[in-house]
Amino acid sequence: MSERELSPTQQRTRAALIRAGIEVLSNDPSAPLGEVAARADVARSTLHRYFADKKALTDAVTEFVGAEHDAAVVRANLTEGTGLEAMRRLALELMDRLDVLAWIMGPAMMVGDLPDGGFDEIMSGEPDQAVLDAVARGIADGSIDAALSPQWCESMLWSVLFSANHAPAAAGMTTTEARTQALRSLLKAIAADPGAVR
């Protein structure tokens, strides 16, 4: 049954299962499906009506995470303003989705337990090109350090997102403190004039 064929209640249940899957399986890829069902506050039999097995659930999660990432890239309006301003907006949009992006920043990624296509299977490819284009524009407009490659700047973005996701628990920071420091770190790392970053 496709998502379009589901009633609003069924859509909410499916969404709750996907979010529970992200929360449980991003922390412990070996967790049983019963734990996912419990986190979603449904019976295991209910979970199996929507997802026959763990692969079906993880495939749905991967699709959902990719769509959320892509939507964040679109919301960031990467063609507007300087390249550095675009990267700032993108970092903020992605930080607002760390609850979902945890799927690609948890132990599953660390142990190579992502889908066969890995990180690239989660992302559609087009938004990643939009990020590279924004950085290239920033290099051209003088807002981003010309000594850095667009690929390096994108990698820095994901490094600070990883830190923002994990630092609160590891360093005793609040979520807001971690995100503020992550954003500042990214912008100072890639700016043509780090001293101008506020």
N, C-alpha and C. Protein backbone atom coordinates (compact mmCIF):
# COMPACT_ATOMS: atom_id res chain seq x y z
N MET A 1 0.85 -1.18 0.00
CA MET A 1 0.00 0.00 0.00
C MET A 1 0.90 1.24 0.00
N SER A 2 0.71 2.12 -0.99
CA SER A 2 1.52 3.33 -1.05
C SER A 2 1.02 4.34 -0.03
N GLU A 3 1.87 5.30 0.28
CA GLU A 3 1.49 6.30 1.29
C GLU A 3 0.27 7.09 0.85
N ARG A 4 0.11 7.31 -0.46
CA ARG A 4 -1.04 8.05 -0.96
C ARG A 4 -2.35 7.31 -0.72
N GLU A 5 -2.30 6.00 -0.57
CA GLU A 5 -3.51 5.21 -0.35
C GLU A 5 -3.90 5.14 1.12
N LEU A 6 -3.09 5.71 2.00
CA LEU A 6 -3.36 5.65 3.43
C LEU A 6 -4.32 6.75 3.86
N SER A 7 -5.11 6.45 4.86
CA SER A 7 -5.98 7.46 5.46
C SER A 7 -5.10 8.42 6.27
N PRO A 8 -5.62 9.58 6.66
CA PRO A 8 -4.83 10.50 7.48
C PRO A 8 -4.31 9.84 8.76
N THR A 9 -5.13 9.00 9.40
CA THR A 9 -4.69 8.32 10.61
C THR A 9 -3.55 7.35 10.30
N GLN A 10 -3.69 6.61 9.21
CA GLN A 10 -2.62 5.69 8.81
C GLN A 10 -1.34 6.43 8.45
N GLN A 11 -1.49 7.59 7.82
CA GLN A 11 -0.31 8.39 7.48
C GLN A 11 0.41 8.85 8.75
N ARG A 12 -0.36 9.24 9.76
CA ARG A 12 0.25 9.65 11.03
C ARG A 12 0.96 8.48 11.70
N THR A 13 0.34 7.29 11.66
CA THR A 13 0.97 6.12 12.26
C THR A 13 2.26 5.77 11.53
N ARG A 14 2.21 5.80 10.20
CA ARG A 14 3.41 5.50 9.41
C ARG A 14 4.52 6.51 9.72
N ALA A 15 4.16 7.79 9.80
CA ALA A 15 5.14 8.83 10.12
C ALA A 15 5.74 8.61 11.51
N ALA A 16 4.90 8.23 12.47
CA ALA A 16 5.39 7.97 13.83
C ALA A 16 6.36 6.79 13.83
N LEU A 17 6.08 5.77 13.04
CA LEU A 17 6.98 4.62 12.95
C LEU A 17 8.31 5.00 12.30
N ILE A 18 8.26 5.84 11.29
CA ILE A 18 9.50 6.28 10.64
C ILE A 18 10.34 7.10 11.62
N ARG A 19 9.70 8.00 12.33
CA ARG A 19 10.44 8.82 13.30
C ARG A 19 11.00 7.96 14.44
N ALA A 20 10.22 6.99 14.88
CA ALA A 20 10.71 6.08 15.91
C ALA A 20 11.88 5.26 15.37
N GLY A 21 11.79 4.86 14.11
CA GLY A 21 12.89 4.12 13.48
C GLY A 21 14.15 4.95 13.46
N ILE A 22 14.04 6.22 13.13
CA ILE A 22 15.22 7.10 13.13
C ILE A 22 15.81 7.18 14.53
N GLU A 23 14.95 7.42 15.51
CA GLU A 23 15.43 7.60 16.88
C GLU A 23 16.08 6.34 17.43
N VAL A 24 15.45 5.20 17.21
CA VAL A 24 15.97 3.96 17.78
C VAL A 24 17.15 3.41 16.98
N LEU A 25 16.98 3.30 15.66
CA LEU A 25 17.99 2.62 14.84
C LEU A 25 19.21 3.48 14.55
N SER A 26 19.08 4.80 14.63
CA SER A 26 20.28 5.62 14.43
C SER A 26 21.21 5.48 15.62
N ASN A 27 20.66 5.16 16.79
CA ASN A 27 21.49 4.94 17.98
C ASN A 27 21.94 3.49 18.11
N ASP A 28 21.13 2.56 17.63
CA ASP A 28 21.46 1.13 17.74
C ASP A 28 20.88 0.38 16.54
N PRO A 29 21.67 0.26 15.46
CA PRO A 29 21.16 -0.40 14.25
C PRO A 29 20.70 -1.84 14.48
N SER A 30 21.17 -2.46 15.55
CA SER A 30 20.78 -3.85 15.82
C SER A 30 19.52 -3.96 16.68
N ALA A 31 18.95 -2.83 17.06
CA ALA A 31 17.76 -2.87 17.92
C ALA A 31 16.63 -3.62 17.23
N PRO A 32 15.86 -4.39 17.98
CA PRO A 32 14.75 -5.13 17.39
C PRO A 32 13.60 -4.20 17.00
N LEU A 33 12.81 -4.64 16.05
CA LEU A 33 11.67 -3.83 15.60
C LEU A 33 10.67 -3.60 16.72
N GLY A 34 10.61 -4.50 17.68
CA GLY A 34 9.72 -4.31 18.82
C GLY A 34 10.04 -3.04 19.58
N GLU A 35 11.32 -2.69 19.63
CA GLU A 35 11.72 -1.45 20.30
C GLU A 35 11.24 -0.23 19.52
N VAL A 36 11.29 -0.33 18.19
CA VAL A 36 10.78 0.76 17.35
C VAL A 36 9.27 0.91 17.56
N ALA A 37 8.56 -0.21 17.57
CA ALA A 37 7.12 -0.17 17.78
C ALA A 37 6.79 0.44 19.14
N ALA A 38 7.53 0.04 20.17
CA ALA A 38 7.29 0.58 21.51
C ALA A 38 7.53 2.09 21.54
N ARG A 39 8.59 2.55 20.85
CA ARG A 39 8.89 3.98 20.82
C ARG A 39 7.78 4.75 20.12
N ALA A 40 7.17 4.13 19.10
CA ALA A 40 6.06 4.76 18.37
C ALA A 40 4.73 4.58 19.10
N ASP A 41 4.76 3.82 20.20
CA ASP A 41 3.57 3.56 21.01
C ASP A 41 2.49 2.80 20.23
N VAL A 42 2.96 1.80 19.46
CA VAL A 42 2.05 0.91 18.74
C VAL A 42 2.49 -0.53 18.98
N ALA A 43 1.60 -1.46 18.67
CA ALA A 43 1.93 -2.88 18.78
C ALA A 43 2.89 -3.26 17.66
N ARG A 44 3.68 -4.29 17.90
CA ARG A 44 4.59 -4.77 16.86
C ARG A 44 3.81 -5.21 15.62
N SER A 45 2.64 -5.81 15.82
CA SER A 45 1.83 -6.22 14.68
C SER A 45 1.41 -5.02 13.83
N THR A 46 1.20 -3.87 14.47
CA THR A 46 0.88 -2.65 13.73
C THR A 46 2.06 -2.24 12.87
N LEU A 47 3.27 -2.27 13.46
CA LEU A 47 4.46 -1.94 12.69
C LEU A 47 4.55 -2.82 11.44
N HIS A 48 4.29 -4.12 11.61
CA HIS A 48 4.41 -5.06 10.49
C HIS A 48 3.33 -4.86 9.42
N ARG A 49 2.25 -4.21 9.76
CA ARG A 49 1.25 -3.88 8.73
C ARG A 49 1.79 -2.80 7.79
N TYR A 50 2.70 -1.98 8.29
CA TYR A 50 3.27 -0.90 7.48
C TYR A 50 4.62 -1.30 6.88
N PHE A 51 5.41 -2.06 7.62
CA PHE A 51 6.76 -2.44 7.19
C PHE A 51 6.97 -3.92 7.48
N ALA A 52 7.13 -4.71 6.43
CA ALA A 52 7.23 -6.16 6.58
C ALA A 52 8.44 -6.59 7.40
N ASP A 53 9.53 -5.84 7.28
CA ASP A 53 10.75 -6.22 7.98
C ASP A 53 11.60 -4.98 8.19
N LYS A 54 12.78 -5.16 8.80
CA LYS A 54 13.64 -4.03 9.11
C LYS A 54 14.11 -3.33 7.83
N LYS A 55 14.37 -4.07 6.78
CA LYS A 55 14.82 -3.46 5.52
C LYS A 55 13.74 -2.53 4.97
N ALA A 56 12.50 -2.95 5.02
CA ALA A 56 11.41 -2.09 4.53
C ALA A 56 11.34 -0.80 5.34
N LEU A 57 11.52 -0.91 6.65
CA LEU A 57 11.50 0.27 7.50
C LEU A 57 12.69 1.17 7.20
N THR A 58 13.89 0.59 7.13
CA THR A 58 15.07 1.42 6.88
C THR A 58 15.03 2.06 5.48
N ASP A 59 14.46 1.36 4.52
CA ASP A 59 14.30 1.97 3.19
C ASP A 59 13.37 3.19 3.26
N ALA A 60 12.28 3.06 4.02
CA ALA A 60 11.34 4.17 4.17
C ALA A 60 12.00 5.33 4.93
N VAL A 61 12.78 5.00 5.94
CA VAL A 61 13.48 6.03 6.70
C VAL A 61 14.47 6.76 5.79
N THR A 62 15.22 6.00 5.01
CA THR A 62 16.21 6.59 4.11
C THR A 62 15.54 7.54 3.12
N GLU A 63 14.41 7.13 2.58
CA GLU A 63 13.68 7.98 1.65
C GLU A 63 13.19 9.26 2.34
N PHE A 64 12.67 9.10 3.55
CA PHE A 64 12.16 10.24 4.32
C PHE A 64 13.30 11.22 4.64
N VAL A 65 14.44 10.70 5.11
CA VAL A 65 15.57 11.54 5.47
C VAL A 65 16.08 12.30 4.24
N GLY A 66 16.17 11.60 3.11
CA GLY A 66 16.60 12.26 1.89
C GLY A 66 15.67 13.39 1.49
N ALA A 67 14.37 13.15 1.60
CA ALA A 67 13.39 14.19 1.25
C ALA A 67 13.49 15.38 2.20
N GLU A 68 13.70 15.12 3.48
CA GLU A 68 13.83 16.20 4.46
C GLU A 68 15.09 17.03 4.18
N HIS A 69 16.19 16.34 3.86
CA HIS A 69 17.43 17.03 3.51
C HIS A 69 17.21 17.92 2.29
N ASP A 70 16.63 17.33 1.26
CA ASP A 70 16.43 18.07 0.02
C ASP A 70 15.52 19.28 0.22
N ALA A 71 14.49 19.12 1.04
CA ALA A 71 13.58 20.24 1.32
C ALA A 71 14.30 21.35 2.07
N ALA A 72 15.21 20.98 2.99
CA ALA A 72 15.99 21.99 3.72
C ALA A 72 16.88 22.78 2.77
N VAL A 73 17.47 22.08 1.79
CA VAL A 73 18.31 22.77 0.80
C VAL A 73 17.47 23.75 -0.01
N VAL A 74 16.28 23.35 -0.40
CA VAL A 74 15.40 24.24 -1.17
C VAL A 74 15.01 25.45 -0.32
N ARG A 75 14.64 25.22 0.95
CA ARG A 75 14.24 26.33 1.84
C ARG A 75 15.37 27.34 2.06
N ALA A 76 16.62 26.88 1.95
CA ALA A 76 17.76 27.76 2.19
C ALA A 76 17.98 28.78 1.07
N ASN A 77 17.26 28.64 -0.05
CA ASN A 77 17.38 29.61 -1.15
C ASN A 77 18.84 29.88 -1.49
N LEU A 78 19.55 28.83 -1.90
CA LEU A 78 20.99 28.93 -2.09
C LEU A 78 21.42 29.85 -3.22
N THR A 79 20.51 30.28 -4.06
CA THR A 79 20.88 31.19 -5.14
C THR A 79 20.78 32.66 -4.73
N GLU A 80 20.33 32.92 -3.51
CA GLU A 80 20.16 34.30 -3.04
C GLU A 80 21.35 34.74 -2.20
N GLY A 81 21.70 36.03 -2.31
CA GLY A 81 22.76 36.62 -1.48
C GLY A 81 24.14 36.08 -1.81
N THR A 82 25.08 36.38 -0.92
CA THR A 82 26.44 35.89 -1.13
C THR A 82 26.49 34.38 -0.87
N GLY A 83 27.55 33.76 -1.31
CA GLY A 83 27.73 32.34 -1.06
C GLY A 83 27.80 32.04 0.44
N LEU A 84 28.47 32.92 1.20
CA LEU A 84 28.58 32.71 2.64
C LEU A 84 27.21 32.83 3.31
N GLU A 85 26.42 33.80 2.88
CA GLU A 85 25.06 33.93 3.43
C GLU A 85 24.23 32.69 3.12
N ALA A 86 24.39 32.15 1.90
CA ALA A 86 23.67 30.94 1.53
C ALA A 86 24.07 29.76 2.41
N MET A 87 25.36 29.64 2.68
CA MET A 87 25.82 28.53 3.54
C MET A 87 25.32 28.70 4.96
N ARG A 88 25.23 29.94 5.43
CA ARG A 88 24.69 30.18 6.77
C ARG A 88 23.23 29.73 6.84
N ARG A 89 22.44 30.12 5.83
CA ARG A 89 21.03 29.72 5.80
C ARG A 89 20.90 28.20 5.73
N LEU A 90 21.74 27.57 4.91
CA LEU A 90 21.67 26.11 4.77
C LEU A 90 22.01 25.43 6.09
N ALA A 91 23.08 25.89 6.75
CA ALA A 91 23.46 25.29 8.04
C ALA A 91 22.31 25.39 9.04
N LEU A 92 21.65 26.55 9.09
CA LEU A 92 20.53 26.72 10.02
C LEU A 92 19.37 25.80 9.68
N GLU A 93 19.06 25.69 8.38
CA GLU A 93 17.97 24.79 7.96
C GLU A 93 18.29 23.34 8.35
N LEU A 94 19.51 22.92 8.10
CA LEU A 94 19.87 21.53 8.41
C LEU A 94 19.94 21.30 9.91
N MET A 95 20.37 22.30 10.67
CA MET A 95 20.38 22.14 12.13
C MET A 95 18.97 21.98 12.67
N ASP A 96 18.01 22.62 12.02
CA ASP A 96 16.61 22.45 12.43
C ASP A 96 16.10 21.03 12.16
N ARG A 97 16.81 20.25 11.37
CA ARG A 97 16.40 18.89 11.03
C ARG A 97 17.36 17.85 11.60
N LEU A 98 18.15 18.21 12.59
CA LEU A 98 19.11 17.25 13.16
C LEU A 98 18.41 16.02 13.73
N ASP A 99 17.17 16.18 14.19
CA ASP A 99 16.44 15.02 14.70
C ASP A 99 16.27 13.96 13.62
N VAL A 100 16.13 14.40 12.38
CA VAL A 100 15.98 13.49 11.24
C VAL A 100 17.34 13.09 10.68
N LEU A 101 18.24 14.08 10.56
CA LEU A 101 19.56 13.81 9.99
C LEU A 101 20.41 12.92 10.89
N ALA A 102 19.97 12.72 12.13
CA ALA A 102 20.68 11.78 13.01
C ALA A 102 20.83 10.41 12.36
N TRP A 103 19.90 10.10 11.45
CA TRP A 103 19.95 8.83 10.74
C TRP A 103 21.27 8.63 10.01
N ILE A 104 21.85 9.70 9.48
CA ILE A 104 23.10 9.56 8.74
C ILE A 104 24.31 9.98 9.56
N MET A 105 24.09 10.31 10.84
CA MET A 105 25.21 10.72 11.69
C MET A 105 25.36 9.84 12.93
N GLY A 106 24.63 8.74 12.96
CA GLY A 106 24.70 7.86 14.11
C GLY A 106 25.58 6.65 13.85
N PRO A 107 25.53 5.67 14.73
CA PRO A 107 26.34 4.47 14.58
C PRO A 107 26.14 3.73 13.27
N ALA A 108 24.96 3.84 12.67
CA ALA A 108 24.73 3.15 11.40
C ALA A 108 25.73 3.63 10.35
N MET A 109 25.99 4.92 10.35
CA MET A 109 26.95 5.47 9.41
C MET A 109 28.37 5.05 9.79
N MET A 110 28.64 5.06 11.07
CA MET A 110 29.99 4.75 11.53
C MET A 110 30.41 3.31 11.22
N VAL A 111 29.46 2.40 11.27
CA VAL A 111 29.79 0.99 11.02
C VAL A 111 29.46 0.57 9.59
N GLY A 112 29.16 1.55 8.75
CA GLY A 112 28.87 1.24 7.35
C GLY A 112 27.56 0.51 7.17
N ASP A 113 26.58 0.80 8.02
CA ASP A 113 25.31 0.10 7.97
C ASP A 113 24.24 0.88 7.21
N LEU A 114 24.69 1.88 6.44
CA LEU A 114 23.76 2.63 5.61
C LEU A 114 23.37 1.77 4.40
N PRO A 115 22.39 2.20 3.61
CA PRO A 115 22.01 1.45 2.42
C PRO A 115 23.20 1.24 1.50
N ASP A 116 23.07 0.30 0.55
CA ASP A 116 24.17 -0.06 -0.34
C ASP A 116 24.82 1.15 -0.99
N GLY A 117 24.03 2.15 -1.37
CA GLY A 117 24.56 3.34 -2.00
C GLY A 117 25.16 4.32 -1.01
N GLY A 118 25.09 4.01 0.30
CA GLY A 118 25.64 4.86 1.34
C GLY A 118 24.99 6.23 1.38
N PHE A 119 25.78 7.21 1.79
CA PHE A 119 25.32 8.58 1.96
C PHE A 119 24.68 9.11 0.67
N ASP A 120 25.28 8.77 -0.48
CA ASP A 120 24.77 9.27 -1.76
C ASP A 120 23.37 8.75 -2.06
N GLU A 121 23.02 7.57 -1.55
CA GLU A 121 21.67 7.05 -1.80
C GLU A 121 20.63 7.85 -1.03
N ILE A 122 21.03 8.41 0.09
CA ILE A 122 20.10 9.19 0.90
C ILE A 122 19.83 10.53 0.25
N MET A 123 20.88 11.15 -0.29
CA MET A 123 20.73 12.45 -0.93
C MET A 123 20.46 12.26 -2.42
N SER A 124 19.65 13.11 -2.99
CA SER A 124 19.26 12.94 -4.39
C SER A 124 20.35 13.33 -5.37
N GLY A 125 21.33 14.10 -4.94
CA GLY A 125 22.37 14.54 -5.84
C GLY A 125 22.17 15.99 -6.27
N GLU A 126 20.97 16.36 -6.66
CA GLU A 126 20.72 17.72 -7.12
C GLU A 126 20.96 18.75 -6.02
N PRO A 127 20.44 18.57 -4.80
CA PRO A 127 20.72 19.56 -3.77
C PRO A 127 22.21 19.66 -3.46
N ASP A 128 22.95 18.54 -3.49
CA ASP A 128 24.38 18.60 -3.23
C ASP A 128 25.05 19.49 -4.26
N GLN A 129 24.63 19.40 -5.52
CA GLN A 129 25.19 20.27 -6.56
C GLN A 129 24.84 21.72 -6.27
N ALA A 130 23.65 21.95 -5.74
CA ALA A 130 23.24 23.32 -5.39
C ALA A 130 24.15 23.88 -4.30
N VAL A 131 24.57 23.03 -3.36
CA VAL A 131 25.48 23.46 -2.30
C VAL A 131 26.84 23.81 -2.90
N LEU A 132 27.35 22.94 -3.75
CA LEU A 132 28.64 23.19 -4.39
C LEU A 132 28.59 24.48 -5.22
N ASP A 133 27.48 24.69 -5.91
CA ASP A 133 27.32 25.90 -6.71
C ASP A 133 27.29 27.15 -5.83
N ALA A 134 26.65 27.06 -4.68
CA ALA A 134 26.59 28.21 -3.76
C ALA A 134 27.99 28.54 -3.24
N VAL A 135 28.76 27.51 -2.92
CA VAL A 135 30.12 27.75 -2.45
C VAL A 135 30.96 28.36 -3.57
N ALA A 136 30.83 27.81 -4.77
CA ALA A 136 31.58 28.36 -5.91
C ALA A 136 31.22 29.83 -6.12
N ARG A 137 29.93 30.16 -5.96
CA ARG A 137 29.51 31.55 -6.08
C ARG A 137 30.14 32.39 -4.99
N GLY A 138 30.24 31.83 -3.78
CA GLY A 138 30.86 32.54 -2.67
C GLY A 138 32.34 32.80 -2.90
N ILE A 139 33.00 31.86 -3.53
CA ILE A 139 34.41 32.07 -3.88
C ILE A 139 34.51 33.19 -4.91
N ALA A 140 33.62 33.15 -5.89
CA ALA A 140 33.63 34.18 -6.94
C ALA A 140 33.26 35.56 -6.40
N ASP A 141 32.33 35.61 -5.42
CA ASP A 141 31.92 36.94 -4.92
C ASP A 141 32.80 37.43 -3.77
N GLY A 142 33.78 36.61 -3.38
CA GLY A 142 34.74 37.02 -2.37
C GLY A 142 34.29 36.80 -0.94
N SER A 143 33.16 36.15 -0.72
CA SER A 143 32.70 35.93 0.66
C SER A 143 33.26 34.63 1.26
N ILE A 144 33.66 33.69 0.40
CA ILE A 144 34.22 32.41 0.85
C ILE A 144 35.68 32.33 0.41
N ASP A 145 36.50 31.79 1.27
CA ASP A 145 37.95 31.67 1.04
C ASP A 145 38.24 30.94 -0.27
N ALA A 146 38.91 31.61 -1.18
CA ALA A 146 39.21 31.04 -2.50
C ALA A 146 40.21 29.90 -2.43
N ALA A 147 40.90 29.74 -1.29
CA ALA A 147 41.85 28.64 -1.15
C ALA A 147 41.16 27.32 -0.82
N LEU A 148 39.85 27.38 -0.53
CA LEU A 148 39.09 26.17 -0.19
C LEU A 148 38.28 25.73 -1.40
N SER A 149 38.16 24.41 -1.56
CA SER A 149 37.34 23.88 -2.65
C SER A 149 35.88 23.80 -2.20
N PRO A 150 34.94 23.85 -3.14
CA PRO A 150 33.54 23.68 -2.76
C PRO A 150 33.29 22.36 -2.03
N GLN A 151 33.97 21.29 -2.46
CA GLN A 151 33.78 19.99 -1.80
C GLN A 151 34.26 20.04 -0.35
N TRP A 152 35.36 20.74 -0.11
CA TRP A 152 35.87 20.86 1.26
C TRP A 152 34.87 21.63 2.12
N CYS A 153 34.33 22.71 1.59
CA CYS A 153 33.36 23.51 2.35
C CYS A 153 32.12 22.69 2.68
N GLU A 154 31.66 21.88 1.73
CA GLU A 154 30.51 21.02 2.01
C GLU A 154 30.85 20.00 3.09
N SER A 155 32.06 19.47 3.04
CA SER A 155 32.51 18.53 4.07
C SER A 155 32.56 19.20 5.43
N MET A 156 33.02 20.45 5.48
CA MET A 156 33.05 21.21 6.74
C MET A 156 31.63 21.38 7.29
N LEU A 157 30.69 21.64 6.39
CA LEU A 157 29.29 21.76 6.81
C LEU A 157 28.85 20.51 7.55
N TRP A 158 29.11 19.35 6.96
CA TRP A 158 28.68 18.10 7.59
C TRP A 158 29.44 17.81 8.87
N SER A 159 30.69 18.26 8.95
CA SER A 159 31.47 18.08 10.18
C SER A 159 30.85 18.87 11.33
N VAL A 160 30.46 20.12 11.06
CA VAL A 160 29.87 20.91 12.15
C VAL A 160 28.46 20.42 12.49
N LEU A 161 27.73 19.91 11.49
CA LEU A 161 26.42 19.33 11.80
C LEU A 161 26.58 18.12 12.71
N PHE A 162 27.58 17.29 12.41
CA PHE A 162 27.85 16.12 13.25
C PHE A 162 28.16 16.58 14.68
N SER A 163 29.00 17.60 14.79
CA SER A 163 29.36 18.11 16.12
C SER A 163 28.15 18.69 16.84
N ALA A 164 27.33 19.44 16.12
CA ALA A 164 26.13 20.01 16.75
C ALA A 164 25.18 18.92 17.22
N ASN A 165 25.15 17.81 16.49
CA ASN A 165 24.27 16.70 16.85
C ASN A 165 24.78 15.95 18.07
N HIS A 166 26.09 15.81 18.20
CA HIS A 166 26.66 14.98 19.26
C HIS A 166 27.20 15.77 20.46
N ALA A 167 27.55 17.04 20.27
CA ALA A 167 28.18 17.80 21.35
C ALA A 167 27.31 18.00 22.58
N PRO A 168 26.00 18.25 22.44
CA PRO A 168 25.24 18.50 23.67
C PRO A 168 25.39 17.40 24.72
N ALA A 169 25.30 16.16 24.30
CA ALA A 169 25.44 15.05 25.25
C ALA A 169 26.89 14.87 25.69
N ALA A 170 27.82 15.03 24.75
CA ALA A 170 29.22 14.76 25.05
C ALA A 170 29.90 15.87 25.84
N ALA A 171 29.50 17.11 25.62
CA ALA A 171 30.21 18.24 26.22
C ALA A 171 29.38 19.00 27.25
N GLY A 172 28.23 18.50 27.60
CA GLY A 172 27.40 19.17 28.59
C GLY A 172 26.88 20.52 28.13
N MET A 173 26.68 20.67 26.83
CA MET A 173 26.15 21.92 26.28
C MET A 173 24.66 21.80 26.09
N THR A 174 24.01 22.95 26.00
CA THR A 174 22.62 22.93 25.57
C THR A 174 22.62 22.79 24.05
N THR A 175 21.49 22.42 23.51
CA THR A 175 21.36 22.31 22.06
C THR A 175 21.64 23.65 21.39
N THR A 176 21.13 24.72 21.98
CA THR A 176 21.34 26.06 21.41
C THR A 176 22.82 26.43 21.42
N GLU A 177 23.52 26.16 22.51
CA GLU A 177 24.95 26.45 22.59
C GLU A 177 25.72 25.68 21.52
N ALA A 178 25.40 24.41 21.37
CA ALA A 178 26.11 23.59 20.39
C ALA A 178 25.86 24.10 18.98
N ARG A 179 24.63 24.46 18.67
CA ARG A 179 24.32 24.94 17.33
C ARG A 179 24.96 26.30 17.06
N THR A 180 24.97 27.17 18.05
CA THR A 180 25.60 28.48 17.88
C THR A 180 27.09 28.31 17.60
N GLN A 181 27.74 27.46 18.37
CA GLN A 181 29.17 27.24 18.17
C GLN A 181 29.45 26.54 16.83
N ALA A 182 28.59 25.61 16.45
CA ALA A 182 28.78 24.92 15.17
C ALA A 182 28.67 25.90 14.01
N LEU A 183 27.66 26.77 14.05
CA LEU A 183 27.47 27.73 12.97
C LEU A 183 28.66 28.69 12.91
N ARG A 184 29.08 29.19 14.04
CA ARG A 184 30.24 30.11 14.08
C ARG A 184 31.49 29.41 13.56
N SER A 185 31.69 28.17 13.94
CA SER A 185 32.86 27.41 13.48
C SER A 185 32.85 27.26 11.96
N LEU A 186 31.69 26.90 11.41
CA LEU A 186 31.59 26.74 9.96
C LEU A 186 31.90 28.04 9.24
N LEU A 187 31.24 29.11 9.65
CA LEU A 187 31.40 30.38 8.94
C LEU A 187 32.82 30.92 9.05
N LYS A 188 33.42 30.81 10.22
CA LYS A 188 34.81 31.27 10.37
C LYS A 188 35.77 30.39 9.57
N ALA A 189 35.45 29.11 9.44
CA ALA A 189 36.33 28.19 8.71
C ALA A 189 36.32 28.44 7.22
N ILE A 190 35.18 28.87 6.67
CA ILE A 190 35.09 29.01 5.21
C ILE A 190 35.08 30.45 4.74
N ALA A 191 34.92 31.42 5.63
CA ALA A 191 34.80 32.82 5.21
C ALA A 191 36.12 33.34 4.65
N ALA A 192 36.03 34.19 3.65
CA ALA A 192 37.22 34.85 3.13
C ALA A 192 37.80 35.79 4.19
N ASP A 193 36.94 36.37 5.03
CA ASP A 193 37.35 37.25 6.11
C ASP A 193 36.75 36.74 7.41
N PRO A 194 37.42 35.78 8.07
CA PRO A 194 36.86 35.21 9.30
C PRO A 194 36.58 36.24 10.38
N GLY A 195 37.35 37.31 10.40
CA GLY A 195 37.15 38.36 11.40
C GLY A 195 35.83 39.09 11.27
N ALA A 196 35.24 39.03 10.09
CA ALA A 196 33.96 39.71 9.86
C ALA A 196 32.78 38.88 10.30
N VAL A 197 32.99 37.61 10.64
CA VAL A 197 31.90 36.73 11.07
C VAL A 197 31.48 37.09 12.48
N ARG A 198 30.20 37.34 12.66
CA ARG A 198 29.66 37.69 13.98
C ARG A 198 28.71 36.62 14.44
